[in-house]
N, C-alpha and C. Protein backbone atom coordinates (compact mmCIF):
# COMPACT_ATOMS: atom_id res chain seq x y z
N MET A 1 192.11 69.09 58.70
CA MET A 1 191.98 70.50 58.41
C MET A 1 193.29 71.18 58.75
N GLN A 2 193.68 72.14 57.93
CA GLN A 2 194.90 72.91 58.15
C GLN A 2 194.60 74.18 58.94
N GLY A 3 195.58 74.65 59.69
CA GLY A 3 195.41 75.89 60.43
C GLY A 3 196.72 76.63 60.57
N ILE A 4 196.62 77.93 60.73
CA ILE A 4 197.77 78.78 61.01
C ILE A 4 197.92 78.88 62.52
N LYS A 5 199.11 78.61 63.03
CA LYS A 5 199.37 78.77 64.46
C LYS A 5 199.33 80.26 64.80
N VAL A 6 198.58 80.60 65.82
CA VAL A 6 198.49 81.99 66.27
C VAL A 6 198.78 82.06 67.77
N THR A 7 199.10 83.26 68.21
CA THR A 7 199.24 83.53 69.63
C THR A 7 198.03 84.36 70.06
N ILE A 8 197.29 83.83 71.00
CA ILE A 8 196.13 84.56 71.54
C ILE A 8 196.70 85.50 72.60
N VAL A 9 196.63 86.79 72.36
CA VAL A 9 197.33 87.74 73.23
C VAL A 9 196.47 88.38 74.31
N ARG A 10 195.15 88.46 74.08
CA ARG A 10 194.30 89.05 75.11
C ARG A 10 192.83 88.77 74.85
N TYR A 11 192.09 88.85 75.92
CA TYR A 11 190.64 88.70 75.87
C TYR A 11 190.04 90.07 75.63
N ILE A 12 189.10 90.16 74.71
CA ILE A 12 188.52 91.46 74.33
C ILE A 12 187.15 91.69 74.98
N SER A 13 186.25 90.70 74.85
CA SER A 13 184.87 90.94 75.26
C SER A 13 184.13 89.63 75.49
N ASP A 14 183.13 89.69 76.37
CA ASP A 14 182.25 88.54 76.58
C ASP A 14 181.17 88.44 75.51
N GLU A 15 180.94 89.51 74.78
CA GLU A 15 179.90 89.54 73.75
C GLU A 15 180.52 89.68 72.38
N PRO A 16 180.10 88.95 71.39
CA PRO A 16 179.10 87.91 71.48
C PRO A 16 179.68 86.67 72.14
N GLN A 17 178.79 85.86 72.67
CA GLN A 17 179.20 84.62 73.32
C GLN A 17 179.84 83.69 72.30
N PRO A 18 180.85 82.93 72.58
CA PRO A 18 181.43 82.67 73.89
C PRO A 18 182.51 83.67 74.30
N GLY A 19 182.73 84.72 73.55
CA GLY A 19 183.74 85.72 73.86
C GLY A 19 184.65 85.96 72.67
N ILE A 20 185.36 87.09 72.71
CA ILE A 20 186.24 87.50 71.62
C ILE A 20 187.66 87.67 72.16
N VAL A 21 188.64 87.18 71.39
CA VAL A 21 190.05 87.35 71.74
C VAL A 21 190.79 87.98 70.58
N GLU A 22 191.95 88.58 70.89
CA GLU A 22 192.85 89.09 69.87
C GLU A 22 193.95 88.06 69.66
N CYS A 23 194.21 87.76 68.39
CA CYS A 23 195.25 86.80 68.01
C CYS A 23 196.25 87.47 67.09
N LYS A 24 197.49 86.97 67.12
CA LYS A 24 198.54 87.50 66.24
C LYS A 24 199.32 86.36 65.64
N PHE A 25 199.85 86.60 64.43
CA PHE A 25 200.79 85.68 63.81
C PHE A 25 201.67 86.46 62.85
N GLU A 26 202.79 85.84 62.47
CA GLU A 26 203.73 86.45 61.54
C GLU A 26 203.72 85.67 60.24
N ASP A 27 203.67 86.40 59.12
CA ASP A 27 203.66 85.72 57.83
C ASP A 27 205.08 85.42 57.34
N ALA A 28 205.20 84.86 56.16
CA ALA A 28 206.49 84.47 55.61
C ALA A 28 207.39 85.65 55.30
N HIS A 29 206.83 86.84 55.24
CA HIS A 29 207.59 88.05 54.92
C HIS A 29 207.94 88.86 56.16
N GLY A 30 207.60 88.33 57.34
CA GLY A 30 207.91 89.02 58.59
C GLY A 30 206.85 90.01 59.04
N ARG A 31 205.76 90.09 58.34
CA ARG A 31 204.69 91.02 58.74
C ARG A 31 203.85 90.39 59.85
N ARG A 32 203.56 91.17 60.87
CA ARG A 32 202.71 90.72 61.98
C ARG A 32 201.27 91.08 61.66
N TRP A 33 200.39 90.10 61.80
CA TRP A 33 198.96 90.28 61.55
C TRP A 33 198.20 90.12 62.86
N SER A 34 197.14 90.89 63.02
CA SER A 34 196.26 90.78 64.18
C SER A 34 194.85 90.51 63.69
N LEU A 35 194.11 89.75 64.48
CA LEU A 35 192.71 89.50 64.18
C LEU A 35 191.94 89.30 65.46
N LEU A 36 190.66 89.60 65.39
CA LEU A 36 189.75 89.39 66.51
C LEU A 36 188.82 88.27 66.12
N GLU A 37 188.66 87.30 67.04
CA GLU A 37 187.81 86.17 66.69
C GLU A 37 187.19 85.57 67.94
N LYS A 38 186.11 84.82 67.74
CA LYS A 38 185.46 84.12 68.85
C LYS A 38 186.42 83.09 69.44
N THR A 39 186.37 82.94 70.75
CA THR A 39 187.27 82.02 71.42
C THR A 39 187.13 80.60 70.89
N ALA A 40 185.92 80.16 70.62
CA ALA A 40 185.68 78.79 70.16
C ALA A 40 186.25 78.53 68.77
N VAL A 41 186.47 79.57 67.98
CA VAL A 41 187.03 79.42 66.65
C VAL A 41 188.54 79.19 66.70
N VAL A 42 189.22 79.77 67.70
CA VAL A 42 190.68 79.72 67.74
C VAL A 42 191.25 78.76 68.78
N SER A 43 190.41 78.23 69.68
CA SER A 43 190.93 77.37 70.74
C SER A 43 189.86 76.42 71.26
N ALA A 44 190.31 75.24 71.65
CA ALA A 44 189.40 74.28 72.29
C ALA A 44 189.31 74.55 73.80
N GLU A 45 190.19 75.42 74.30
CA GLU A 45 190.17 75.78 75.72
C GLU A 45 188.99 76.70 76.01
N SER A 46 188.58 76.71 77.26
CA SER A 46 187.57 77.66 77.71
C SER A 46 188.29 78.94 78.11
N LEU A 47 188.27 79.94 77.25
CA LEU A 47 188.99 81.18 77.48
C LEU A 47 188.06 82.27 77.97
N ASP A 48 188.54 83.08 78.91
CA ASP A 48 187.78 84.23 79.38
C ASP A 48 188.74 85.28 79.90
N ALA A 49 188.21 86.31 80.52
CA ALA A 49 189.03 87.42 81.00
C ALA A 49 189.98 87.00 82.11
N ARG A 50 189.69 85.91 82.82
CA ARG A 50 190.56 85.45 83.90
C ARG A 50 191.70 84.55 83.42
N THR A 51 191.65 84.11 82.17
CA THR A 51 192.69 83.25 81.61
C THR A 51 194.00 84.03 81.51
N THR A 52 195.11 83.35 81.74
CA THR A 52 196.42 83.95 81.59
C THR A 52 196.81 83.92 80.12
N TYR A 53 197.22 85.07 79.60
CA TYR A 53 197.63 85.18 78.20
C TYR A 53 199.09 85.56 78.15
N PRO A 54 199.82 85.19 77.09
CA PRO A 54 199.37 84.62 75.82
C PRO A 54 199.10 83.13 75.91
N ARG A 55 198.31 82.64 74.95
CA ARG A 55 197.96 81.23 74.78
C ARG A 55 198.17 80.86 73.32
N ARG A 56 198.29 79.58 73.07
CA ARG A 56 198.38 79.10 71.69
C ARG A 56 196.98 78.94 71.11
N GLY A 57 196.87 79.19 69.83
CA GLY A 57 195.61 79.01 69.13
C GLY A 57 195.85 78.65 67.68
N VAL A 58 194.77 78.43 66.95
CA VAL A 58 194.84 78.05 65.54
C VAL A 58 193.70 78.72 64.79
N ILE A 59 194.01 79.25 63.62
CA ILE A 59 193.00 79.77 62.71
C ILE A 59 192.92 78.82 61.52
N ALA A 60 191.77 78.22 61.30
CA ALA A 60 191.59 77.30 60.18
C ALA A 60 191.83 78.02 58.86
N CYS A 61 192.42 77.30 57.93
CA CYS A 61 192.69 77.88 56.61
C CYS A 61 192.64 76.80 55.55
N GLU A 62 192.70 77.25 54.32
CA GLU A 62 192.75 76.35 53.17
C GLU A 62 194.00 76.71 52.37
N ILE A 63 194.77 75.70 52.02
CA ILE A 63 195.97 75.93 51.20
C ILE A 63 195.53 76.19 49.77
N VAL A 64 196.00 77.31 49.22
CA VAL A 64 195.66 77.68 47.84
C VAL A 64 196.72 77.15 46.88
N ARG A 65 197.99 77.35 47.24
CA ARG A 65 199.09 76.84 46.42
C ARG A 65 200.39 76.93 47.20
N ARG A 66 201.42 76.32 46.63
CA ARG A 66 202.75 76.34 47.23
C ARG A 66 203.73 76.87 46.19
N SER A 67 204.75 77.59 46.66
CA SER A 67 205.77 78.10 45.76
C SER A 67 207.08 78.21 46.53
N ARG A 68 208.11 78.71 45.87
CA ARG A 68 209.40 78.96 46.51
C ARG A 68 209.76 80.42 46.28
N ASP A 69 210.37 81.04 47.32
CA ASP A 69 210.81 82.42 47.15
C ASP A 69 212.23 82.42 46.58
N GLN A 70 212.82 83.60 46.41
CA GLN A 70 214.15 83.71 45.80
C GLN A 70 215.23 83.06 46.65
N ALA A 71 215.00 82.93 47.94
CA ALA A 71 215.96 82.27 48.83
C ALA A 71 215.77 80.75 48.85
N GLY A 72 214.76 80.25 48.13
CA GLY A 72 214.50 78.82 48.07
C GLY A 72 213.57 78.30 49.16
N ARG A 73 213.05 79.20 50.00
CA ARG A 73 212.12 78.77 51.05
C ARG A 73 210.77 78.42 50.45
N GLU A 74 210.15 77.38 51.01
CA GLU A 74 208.79 77.05 50.59
C GLU A 74 207.83 78.07 51.19
N ILE A 75 207.00 78.63 50.35
CA ILE A 75 205.97 79.58 50.77
C ILE A 75 204.62 78.91 50.50
N ILE A 76 203.77 78.92 51.50
CA ILE A 76 202.44 78.34 51.35
C ILE A 76 201.43 79.48 51.35
N HIS A 77 200.69 79.57 50.28
CA HIS A 77 199.68 80.61 50.11
C HIS A 77 198.36 80.03 50.63
N VAL A 78 197.78 80.68 51.64
CA VAL A 78 196.57 80.17 52.27
C VAL A 78 195.47 81.24 52.26
N THR A 79 194.25 80.78 52.45
CA THR A 79 193.13 81.68 52.66
C THR A 79 192.43 81.29 53.95
N THR A 80 192.05 82.28 54.72
CA THR A 80 191.26 82.05 55.93
C THR A 80 189.79 82.36 55.68
N GLU A 81 189.48 82.70 54.44
CA GLU A 81 188.07 82.92 54.07
C GLU A 81 187.30 81.62 54.20
N ARG A 82 187.97 80.52 53.89
CA ARG A 82 187.38 79.20 54.06
C ARG A 82 188.18 78.47 55.11
N PRO A 83 187.63 77.79 56.06
CA PRO A 83 186.22 77.42 56.10
C PRO A 83 185.33 78.37 56.91
N TRP A 84 185.92 79.31 57.72
CA TRP A 84 185.09 80.06 58.67
C TRP A 84 185.10 81.57 58.47
N CYS A 85 185.56 82.04 57.33
CA CYS A 85 185.51 83.47 57.00
C CYS A 85 186.18 84.33 58.08
N VAL A 86 187.42 84.00 58.39
CA VAL A 86 188.21 84.76 59.36
C VAL A 86 189.07 85.75 58.59
N GLU A 87 189.15 86.99 59.10
CA GLU A 87 189.97 88.00 58.42
C GLU A 87 190.78 88.80 59.43
N SER A 88 191.86 89.41 58.95
CA SER A 88 192.69 90.27 59.79
C SER A 88 191.93 91.56 60.12
N LEU A 89 192.49 92.37 60.99
CA LEU A 89 191.86 93.65 61.32
C LEU A 89 191.73 94.54 60.08
N GLU A 90 192.61 94.33 59.09
CA GLU A 90 192.56 95.10 57.85
C GLU A 90 191.62 94.48 56.81
N GLY A 91 190.99 93.35 57.14
CA GLY A 91 190.08 92.70 56.21
C GLY A 91 190.76 91.73 55.26
N VAL A 92 192.01 91.39 55.51
CA VAL A 92 192.77 90.48 54.65
C VAL A 92 192.45 89.03 55.01
N THR A 93 192.30 88.18 53.98
CA THR A 93 192.03 86.75 54.20
C THR A 93 193.04 85.86 53.48
N LYS A 94 193.98 86.44 52.73
CA LYS A 94 194.99 85.65 52.01
C LYS A 94 196.37 85.99 52.56
N PHE A 95 197.11 84.93 52.91
CA PHE A 95 198.41 85.11 53.55
C PHE A 95 199.43 84.15 52.97
N ASP A 96 200.69 84.56 53.00
CA ASP A 96 201.81 83.70 52.66
C ASP A 96 202.46 83.30 53.97
N VAL A 97 202.56 81.99 54.22
CA VAL A 97 203.15 81.52 55.47
C VAL A 97 204.21 80.47 55.18
N LEU A 98 205.07 80.24 56.16
CA LEU A 98 206.07 79.19 56.07
C LEU A 98 205.46 77.89 56.56
N PRO A 99 205.99 76.75 56.11
CA PRO A 99 205.42 75.46 56.52
C PRO A 99 205.32 75.28 58.03
N GLU A 100 206.29 75.79 58.78
CA GLU A 100 206.26 75.63 60.24
C GLU A 100 205.17 76.46 60.91
N SER A 101 204.54 77.35 60.17
CA SER A 101 203.42 78.13 60.71
C SER A 101 202.10 77.38 60.65
N LEU A 102 202.08 76.24 59.97
CA LEU A 102 200.85 75.49 59.79
C LEU A 102 200.81 74.26 60.70
N VAL A 103 199.60 73.87 61.04
CA VAL A 103 199.37 72.68 61.83
C VAL A 103 198.12 72.01 61.31
N GLU A 104 198.10 70.69 61.37
CA GLU A 104 196.88 69.96 61.01
C GLU A 104 196.14 69.66 62.28
N PHE A 105 194.84 69.93 62.29
CA PHE A 105 194.04 69.66 63.49
C PHE A 105 192.70 69.08 63.14
């Protein structure tokens, strides 16, 4: 499964269980995205309010297609709608990322 590397920046709430964290990542165009998600969706660690942040995390995604920008960089178009319906705070689920932003897990 493919995932976008994210930085878990803070713990938000204990409800719903197992808890909610805020995550951030930067897309291929330099835009910073934020999302709120359950701890178990973004990390295998047991995260809570006592955990030291930032931490590394991953948001699962599906690769839609690959292309090149005008500078010749490979751009990977992904969706986070599948497999777990994760979206940014703005409700966005489609992102352009660089290959180094992805990890297989």
